[in-house]
Amino acid sequence: MSARGKALEAAPGRTTGRALEGDGIGVDEAAVIARVRAGEAEAYAELVRAFTGMALRAATALGAGADAEDVVQQSFFKAYRALGRFRDGSAFKPWLLAIVANETRNTVRSAARRRSVTVREAALTEPEPLIPESADPAVATLERERRAALLSALDGLSEHHRLVVTYRYLLDMDEEETAQALGWPRGTVKSRLSRALRRLERLVPAASAERTGGEGRG
């Protein structure tokens, strides 16, 4: 993995090494889908509970803002209606996230509103503090600034680059899952991710400097 990739692996807001509620952990999705297809419609609630947290983070990170909950509800509804076309043996998470991405894109375009970095930051922050209360205040401040700079820099990426970075690193998906969720060949995921990371490398220092300059002027 490149140095830029390793940096994002450790980026604040990423859920490395720890399952969060709503990440689909512990659910036998194939069994649940089979039950739904067999007529047990109420079993679908198990998938909703298992993947809602992840879907909300994806919708918010991709720009849904205050409409994230509506986007996720509509995505689950569309996924339910499309379960008959779901391919046996496939993973549910990337399939659902592809629907979430499309629904988010439609919502953002129809509303013609910009994404909110502040709302995205709250959605992608881990539920437990990343920095202990006993930490050096200077270290805590630097960590907050790094997180804010990273999330602000995402706004400077093209839609394709923002998608691949969000799915690959902020949502902790592997390359194959990212390719499936975005409907791209794995080679396209690799090339777009590489370009996105190079772009982020230039944008993050700029975003940090802009924030520092703005605070200094205040």
C-alpha atoms as a PDB file:
ATOM      1  CA  MET A   1       0.000   0.000   0.000  1.00  0.00           C
ATOM      2  CA  SER A   2       1.258   3.531  -0.776  1.00  0.00           C
ATOM      3  CA  ALA A   3       2.178   6.029   1.920  1.00  0.00           C
ATOM      4  CA  ARG A   4      -0.915   8.031   1.048  1.00  0.00           C
ATOM      5  CA  GLY A   5      -3.084   4.945   1.442  1.00  0.00           C
ATOM      6  CA  LYS A   6      -1.503   4.158   4.808  1.00  0.00           C
ATOM      7  CA  ALA A   7      -2.195   7.693   5.957  1.00  0.00           C
ATOM      8  CA  LEU A   8      -5.855   7.321   5.106  1.00  0.00           C
ATOM      9  CA  GLU A   9      -5.918   3.926   6.799  1.00  0.00           C
ATOM     10  CA  ALA A  10      -5.174   5.814  10.004  1.00  0.00           C
ATOM     11  CA  ALA A  11      -7.364   8.807   9.179  1.00  0.00           C
ATOM     12  CA  PRO A  12      -9.642  10.061  11.955  1.00  0.00           C
ATOM     13  CA  GLY A  13     -13.206   8.876  11.418  1.00  0.00           C
ATOM     14  CA  ARG A  14     -12.226   5.559   9.922  1.00  0.00           C
ATOM     15  CA  THR A  15     -13.574   2.464  11.700  1.00  0.00           C
ATOM     16  CA  THR A  16     -10.466   0.318  11.516  1.00  0.00           C
ATOM     17  CA  GLY A  17     -10.394  -2.777  13.703  1.00  0.00           C
ATOM     18  CA  ARG A  18     -13.730  -2.242  15.385  1.00  0.00           C
ATOM     19  CA  ALA A  19     -17.243  -3.091  14.268  1.00  0.00           C
ATOM     20  CA  LEU A  20     -19.786  -0.326  14.745  1.00  0.00           C
ATOM     21  CA  GLU A  21     -23.494  -0.798  15.238  1.00  0.00           C
ATOM     22  CA  GLY A  22     -25.232  -1.018  11.892  1.00  0.00           C
ATOM     23  CA  ASP A  23     -22.236  -2.333   9.971  1.00  0.00           C
ATOM     24  CA  GLY A  24     -23.822  -5.676   9.134  1.00  0.00           C
ATOM     25  CA  ILE A  25     -21.670  -7.595  11.589  1.00  0.00           C
ATOM     26  CA  GLY A  26     -23.142 -10.865  12.837  1.00  0.00           C
ATOM     27  CA  VAL A  27     -26.062 -11.135  10.418  1.00  0.00           C
ATOM     28  CA  ASP A  28     -26.402 -14.117   8.064  1.00  0.00           C
ATOM     29  CA  GLU A  29     -27.481 -12.014   5.134  1.00  0.00           C
ATOM     30  CA  ALA A  30     -27.888 -14.936   2.723  1.00  0.00           C
ATOM     31  CA  ALA A  31     -30.224 -16.702   5.149  1.00  0.00           C
ATOM     32  CA  VAL A  32     -32.225 -13.542   5.794  1.00  0.00           C
ATOM     33  CA  ILE A  33     -32.578 -12.805   2.081  1.00  0.00           C
ATOM     34  CA  ALA A  34     -33.743 -16.386   1.486  1.00  0.00           C
ATOM     35  CA  ARG A  35     -36.400 -15.954   4.180  1.00  0.00           C
ATOM     36  CA  VAL A  36     -37.633 -12.715   2.627  1.00  0.00           C
ATOM     37  CA  ARG A  37     -37.793 -14.306  -0.801  1.00  0.00           C
ATOM     38  CA  ALA A  38     -39.726 -17.194   0.706  1.00  0.00           C
ATOM     39  CA  GLY A  39     -42.439 -14.794   1.851  1.00  0.00           C
ATOM     40  CA  GLU A  40     -41.242 -13.792   5.325  1.00  0.00           C
ATOM     41  CA  ALA A  41     -41.254 -10.076   4.589  1.00  0.00           C
ATOM     42  CA  GLU A  42     -40.739  -9.098   8.241  1.00  0.00           C
ATOM     43  CA  ALA A  43     -37.279 -10.720   8.149  1.00  0.00           C
ATOM     44  CA  TYR A  44     -36.106  -7.792   6.041  1.00  0.00           C
ATOM     45  CA  ALA A  45     -36.066  -5.709   9.229  1.00  0.00           C
ATOM     46  CA  GLU A  46     -32.980  -7.702  10.276  1.00  0.00           C
ATOM     47  CA  LEU A  47     -31.077  -6.392   7.262  1.00  0.00           C
ATOM     48  CA  VAL A  48     -32.311  -2.864   7.914  1.00  0.00           C
ATOM     49  CA  ARG A  49     -31.086  -2.985  11.508  1.00  0.00           C
ATOM     50  CA  ALA A  50     -27.786  -4.552  10.486  1.00  0.00           C
ATOM     51  CA  PHE A  51     -26.863  -2.060   7.759  1.00  0.00           C
ATOM     52  CA  THR A  52     -28.581   1.232   8.652  1.00  0.00           C
ATOM     53  CA  GLY A  53     -25.564   2.736  10.441  1.00  0.00           C
ATOM     54  CA  MET A  54     -23.227   2.038   7.551  1.00  0.00           C
ATOM     55  CA  ALA A  55     -25.773   3.284   4.994  1.00  0.00           C
ATOM     56  CA  LEU A  56     -26.269   6.529   6.929  1.00  0.00           C
ATOM     57  CA  ARG A  57     -22.522   7.172   7.051  1.00  0.00           C
ATOM     58  CA  ALA A  58     -22.261   6.510   3.331  1.00  0.00           C
ATOM     59  CA  ALA A  59     -25.164   8.809   2.421  1.00  0.00           C
ATOM     60  CA  THR A  60     -23.864  11.595   4.645  1.00  0.00           C
ATOM     61  CA  ALA A  61     -20.280  11.270   3.456  1.00  0.00           C
ATOM     62  CA  LEU A  62     -21.439  11.398  -0.160  1.00  0.00           C
ATOM     63  CA  GLY A  63     -23.351  14.645   0.387  1.00  0.00           C
ATOM     64  CA  ALA A  64     -26.919  13.839   1.454  1.00  0.00           C
ATOM     65  CA  GLY A  65     -26.589  16.102   4.494  1.00  0.00           C
ATOM     66  CA  ALA A  66     -29.876  16.578   6.347  1.00  0.00           C
ATOM     67  CA  ASP A  67     -31.586  14.269   3.840  1.00  0.00           C
ATOM     68  CA  ALA A  68     -29.422  11.257   4.754  1.00  0.00           C
ATOM     69  CA  GLU A  69     -32.159   9.455   6.687  1.00  0.00           C
ATOM     70  CA  ASP A  70     -34.643   9.907   3.838  1.00  0.00           C
ATOM     71  CA  VAL A  71     -32.039   8.678   1.366  1.00  0.00           C
ATOM     72  CA  VAL A  72     -31.374   5.563   3.452  1.00  0.00           C
ATOM     73  CA  GLN A  73     -35.074   4.800   3.910  1.00  0.00           C
ATOM     74  CA  GLN A  74     -35.648   5.097   0.173  1.00  0.00           C
ATOM     75  CA  SER A  75     -32.562   2.980  -0.526  1.00  0.00           C
ATOM     76  CA  PHE A  76     -33.770   0.165   1.715  1.00  0.00           C
ATOM     77  CA  PHE A  77     -37.185   0.329   0.068  1.00  0.00           C
ATOM     78  CA  LYS A  78     -35.650   0.086  -3.397  1.00  0.00           C
ATOM     79  CA  ALA A  79     -33.360  -2.731  -2.256  1.00  0.00           C
ATOM     80  CA  TYR A  80     -36.375  -4.634  -0.931  1.00  0.00           C
ATOM     81  CA  ARG A  81     -38.208  -4.214  -4.218  1.00  0.00           C
ATOM     82  CA  ALA A  82     -35.120  -5.420  -6.098  1.00  0.00           C
ATOM     83  CA  LEU A  83     -34.309  -8.473  -3.943  1.00  0.00           C
ATOM     84  CA  GLY A  84     -35.714 -10.726  -6.635  1.00  0.00           C
ATOM     85  CA  ARG A  85     -32.828  -9.601  -8.858  1.00  0.00           C
ATOM     86  CA  PHE A  86     -30.178  -9.976  -6.144  1.00  0.00           C
ATOM     87  CA  ARG A  87     -27.607 -12.547  -7.259  1.00  0.00           C
ATOM     88  CA  ASP A  88     -27.223 -15.515  -4.921  1.00  0.00           C
ATOM     89  CA  GLY A  89     -23.782 -15.665  -3.367  1.00  0.00           C
ATOM     90  CA  SER A  90     -23.159 -11.931  -3.695  1.00  0.00           C
ATOM     91  CA  ALA A  91     -22.454  -9.677  -0.727  1.00  0.00           C
ATOM     92  CA  PHE A  92     -25.344  -7.487   0.364  1.00  0.00           C
ATOM     93  CA  LYS A  93     -23.245  -4.536   1.601  1.00  0.00           C
ATOM     94  CA  PRO A  94     -21.715  -3.352  -1.695  1.00  0.00           C
ATOM     95  CA  TRP A  95     -25.016  -4.010  -3.486  1.00  0.00           C
ATOM     96  CA  LEU A  96     -26.884  -1.850  -0.973  1.00  0.00           C
ATOM     97  CA  LEU A  97     -24.216   0.865  -1.052  1.00  0.00           C
ATOM     98  CA  ALA A  98     -24.535   1.102  -4.827  1.00  0.00           C
ATOM     99  CA  ILE A  99     -28.232   1.891  -4.307  1.00  0.00           C
ATOM    100  CA  VAL A 100     -27.374   4.390  -1.551  1.00  0.00           C
ATOM    101  CA  ALA A 101     -24.868   6.136  -3.830  1.00  0.00           C
ATOM    102  CA  ASN A 102     -27.376   6.428  -6.670  1.00  0.00           C
ATOM    103  CA  GLU A 103     -30.112   7.675  -4.358  1.00  0.00           C
ATOM    104  CA  THR A 104     -27.754  10.209  -2.779  1.00  0.00           C
ATOM    105  CA  ARG A 105     -26.684  11.449  -6.192  1.00  0.00           C
ATOM    106  CA  ASN A 106     -30.299  11.927  -7.264  1.00  0.00           C
ATOM    107  CA  THR A 107     -31.153  13.738  -4.032  1.00  0.00           C
ATOM    108  CA  VAL A 108     -28.186  16.097  -4.215  1.00  0.00           C
ATOM    109  CA  ARG A 109     -28.797  16.915  -7.854  1.00  0.00           C
ATOM    110  CA  SER A 110     -32.519  17.510  -7.453  1.00  0.00           C
ATOM    111  CA  ALA A 111     -31.962  19.762  -4.421  1.00  0.00           C
ATOM    112  CA  ALA A 112     -28.932  21.484  -6.025  1.00  0.00           C
ATOM    113  CA  ARG A 113     -27.329  21.981  -2.637  1.00  0.00           C
ATOM    114  CA  ARG A 114     -23.739  21.747  -1.567  1.00  0.00           C
ATOM    115  CA  ARG A 115     -22.474  19.148   0.849  1.00  0.00           C
ATOM    116  CA  SER A 116     -21.969  20.060   4.508  1.00  0.00           C
ATOM    117  CA  VAL A 117     -18.480  19.268   5.815  1.00  0.00           C
ATOM    118  CA  THR A 118     -19.611  19.785   9.412  1.00  0.00           C
ATOM    119  CA  VAL A 119     -22.464  17.262   9.159  1.00  0.00           C
ATOM    120  CA  ARG A 120     -20.242  14.761   7.364  1.00  0.00           C
ATOM    121  CA  GLU A 121     -17.600  15.067  10.053  1.00  0.00           C
ATOM    122  CA  ALA A 122     -20.106  14.213  12.786  1.00  0.00           C
ATOM    123  CA  ALA A 123     -21.374  11.196  10.841  1.00  0.00           C
ATOM    124  CA  LEU A 124     -17.917   9.763  10.257  1.00  0.00           C
ATOM    125  CA  THR A 125     -16.547  10.268  13.757  1.00  0.00           C
ATOM    126  CA  GLU A 126     -16.211   7.155  15.890  1.00  0.00           C
ATOM    127  CA  PRO A 127     -18.655   6.907  18.811  1.00  0.00           C
ATOM    128  CA  GLU A 128     -15.783   6.835  21.324  1.00  0.00           C
ATOM    129  CA  PRO A 129     -13.308   9.748  21.535  1.00  0.00           C
ATOM    130  CA  LEU A 130     -10.310   9.284  19.298  1.00  0.00           C
ATOM    131  CA  ILE A 131      -8.193  11.240  21.770  1.00  0.00           C
ATOM    132  CA  PRO A 132      -8.274  10.534  25.526  1.00  0.00           C
ATOM    133  CA  GLU A 133      -9.236  13.433  27.764  1.00  0.00           C
ATOM    134  CA  SER A 134      -5.800  13.220  29.369  1.00  0.00           C
ATOM    135  CA  ALA A 135      -4.030  13.849  26.074  1.00  0.00           C
ATOM    136  CA  ASP A 136      -1.845  16.889  25.534  1.00  0.00           C
ATOM    137  CA  PRO A 137      -4.185  19.733  24.381  1.00  0.00           C
ATOM    138  CA  ALA A 138      -1.810  20.474  21.509  1.00  0.00           C
ATOM    139  CA  VAL A 139      -2.097  16.870  20.300  1.00  0.00           C
ATOM    140  CA  ALA A 140      -5.892  16.963  20.582  1.00  0.00           C
ATOM    141  CA  THR A 141      -6.049  20.201  18.619  1.00  0.00           C
ATOM    142  CA  LEU A 142      -3.803  18.815  15.882  1.00  0.00           C
ATOM    143  CA  GLU A 143      -5.959  15.681  15.586  1.00  0.00           C
ATOM    144  CA  ARG A 144      -9.137  17.730  15.216  1.00  0.00           C
ATOM    145  CA  GLU A 145      -7.499  19.933  12.602  1.00  0.00           C
ATOM    146  CA  ARG A 146      -6.325  16.878  10.640  1.00  0.00           C
ATOM    147  CA  ARG A 147      -9.840  15.432  10.607  1.00  0.00           C
ATOM    148  CA  ALA A 148     -11.409  18.732   9.557  1.00  0.00           C
ATOM    149  CA  ALA A 149      -8.796  19.239   6.828  1.00  0.00           C
ATOM    150  CA  LEU A 150      -9.343  15.749   5.417  1.00  0.00           C
ATOM    151  CA  LEU A 151     -13.119  16.060   5.289  1.00  0.00           C
ATOM    152  CA  SER A 152     -12.882  19.549   3.821  1.00  0.00           C
ATOM    153  CA  ALA A 153     -10.471  18.293   1.159  1.00  0.00           C
ATOM    154  CA  LEU A 154     -13.010  15.689   0.024  1.00  0.00           C
ATOM    155  CA  ASP A 155     -15.071  18.581  -1.342  1.00  0.00           C
ATOM    156  CA  GLY A 156     -12.216  19.357  -3.720  1.00  0.00           C
ATOM    157  CA  LEU A 157     -12.388  15.944  -5.387  1.00  0.00           C
ATOM    158  CA  SER A 158     -14.438  15.006  -8.409  1.00  0.00           C
ATOM    159  CA  GLU A 159     -17.476  12.827  -7.799  1.00  0.00           C
ATOM    160  CA  HIS A 160     -15.707   9.631  -8.906  1.00  0.00           C
ATOM    161  CA  HIS A 161     -12.680  10.344  -6.743  1.00  0.00           C
ATOM    162  CA  ARG A 162     -14.802  11.245  -3.720  1.00  0.00           C
ATOM    163  CA  LEU A 163     -16.766   8.016  -4.124  1.00  0.00           C
ATOM    164  CA  VAL A 164     -13.739   5.758  -4.322  1.00  0.00           C
ATOM    165  CA  VAL A 165     -12.005   7.361  -1.322  1.00  0.00           C
ATOM    166  CA  THR A 166     -15.184   7.267   0.775  1.00  0.00           C
ATOM    167  CA  TYR A 167     -15.931   3.621   0.028  1.00  0.00           C
ATOM    168  CA  ARG A 168     -12.387   2.319   0.133  1.00  0.00           C
ATOM    169  CA  TYR A 169     -11.186   4.057   3.283  1.00  0.00           C
ATOM    170  CA  LEU A 170     -13.914   5.867   5.226  1.00  0.00           C
ATOM    171  CA  LEU A 171     -16.331   2.915   4.930  1.00  0.00           C
ATOM    172  CA  ASP A 172     -13.532   0.336   5.232  1.00  0.00           C
ATOM    173  CA  MET A 173     -14.432  -1.638   2.100  1.00  0.00           C
ATOM    174  CA  ASP A 174     -11.875  -3.762   0.312  1.00  0.00           C
ATOM    175  CA  GLU A 175     -11.045  -3.320  -3.341  1.00  0.00           C
ATOM    176  CA  GLU A 176     -13.437  -5.987  -4.586  1.00  0.00           C
ATOM    177  CA  GLU A 177     -16.352  -4.627  -2.522  1.00  0.00           C
ATOM    178  CA  THR A 178     -15.607  -1.104  -3.722  1.00  0.00           C
ATOM    179  CA  ALA A 179     -15.589  -2.241  -7.344  1.00  0.00           C
ATOM    180  CA  GLN A 180     -18.894  -4.062  -6.874  1.00  0.00           C
ATOM    181  CA  ALA A 181     -20.545  -1.150  -5.067  1.00  0.00           C
ATOM    182  CA  LEU A 182     -19.488   1.379  -7.698  1.00  0.00           C
ATOM    183  CA  GLY A 183     -19.974  -0.903 -10.679  1.00  0.00           C
ATOM    184  CA  TRP A 184     -16.395  -0.356 -11.853  1.00  0.00           C
ATOM    185  CA  PRO A 185     -13.688  -2.826 -12.909  1.00  0.00           C
ATOM    186  CA  ARG A 186     -11.066  -3.352 -10.209  1.00  0.00           C
ATOM    187  CA  GLY A 187      -8.471  -1.719 -12.449  1.00  0.00           C
ATOM    188  CA  THR A 188     -10.619   1.425 -12.585  1.00  0.00           C
ATOM    189  CA  VAL A 189     -10.896   1.427  -8.783  1.00  0.00           C
ATOM    190  CA  LYS A 190      -7.102   1.216  -8.503  1.00  0.00           C
ATOM    191  CA  SER A 191      -6.396   3.977 -11.012  1.00  0.00           C
ATOM    192  CA  ARG A 192      -9.050   6.382  -9.722  1.00  0.00           C
ATOM    193  CA  LEU A 193      -8.019   5.755  -6.124  1.00  0.00           C
ATOM    194  CA  SER A 194      -4.395   6.477  -6.979  1.00  0.00           C
ATOM    195  CA  ARG A 195      -5.327   9.756  -8.673  1.00  0.00           C
ATOM    196  CA  ALA A 196      -7.675  10.674  -5.809  1.00  0.00           C
ATOM    197  CA  LEU A 197      -4.957  10.111  -3.212  1.00  0.00           C
ATOM    198  CA  ARG A 198      -2.501  12.250  -5.173  1.00  0.00           C
ATOM    199  CA  ARG A 199      -5.132  14.975  -5.354  1.00  0.00           C
ATOM    200  CA  LEU A 200      -5.855  14.693  -1.613  1.00  0.00           C
ATOM    201  CA  GLU A 201      -2.150  14.942  -0.879  1.00  0.00           C
ATOM    202  CA  ARG A 202      -2.198  18.387  -2.473  1.00  0.00           C
ATOM    203  CA  LEU A 203      -5.535  19.465  -1.009  1.00  0.00           C
ATOM    204  CA  VAL A 204      -5.113  18.500   2.642  1.00  0.00           C
ATOM    205  CA  PRO A 205      -2.233  20.926   3.370  1.00  0.00           C
ATOM    206  CA  ALA A 206      -4.119  23.632   1.456  1.00  0.00           C
ATOM    207  CA  ALA A 207      -7.309  23.041   3.445  1.00  0.00           C
ATOM    208  CA  SER A 208      -5.385  23.115   6.702  1.00  0.00           C
ATOM    209  CA  ALA A 209      -3.631  26.347   5.768  1.00  0.00           C
ATOM    210  CA  GLU A 210      -6.913  27.949   4.738  1.00  0.00           C
ATOM    211  CA  ARG A 211      -8.507  27.057   8.083  1.00  0.00           C
ATOM    212  CA  THR A 212      -5.495  28.368  10.018  1.00  0.00           C
ATOM    213  CA  GLY A 213      -5.418  31.567   7.997  1.00  0.00           C
ATOM    214  CA  GLY A 214      -9.125  32.135   8.506  1.00  0.00           C
ATOM    215  CA  GLU A 215      -8.813  31.692  12.260  1.00  0.00           C
ATOM    216  CA  GLY A 216      -5.851  34.034  12.327  1.00  0.00           C
ATOM    217  CA  ARG A 217      -7.770  36.718  10.446  1.00  0.00           C
ATOM    218  CA  GLY A 218     -10.677  36.338  12.898  1.00  0.00           C
END
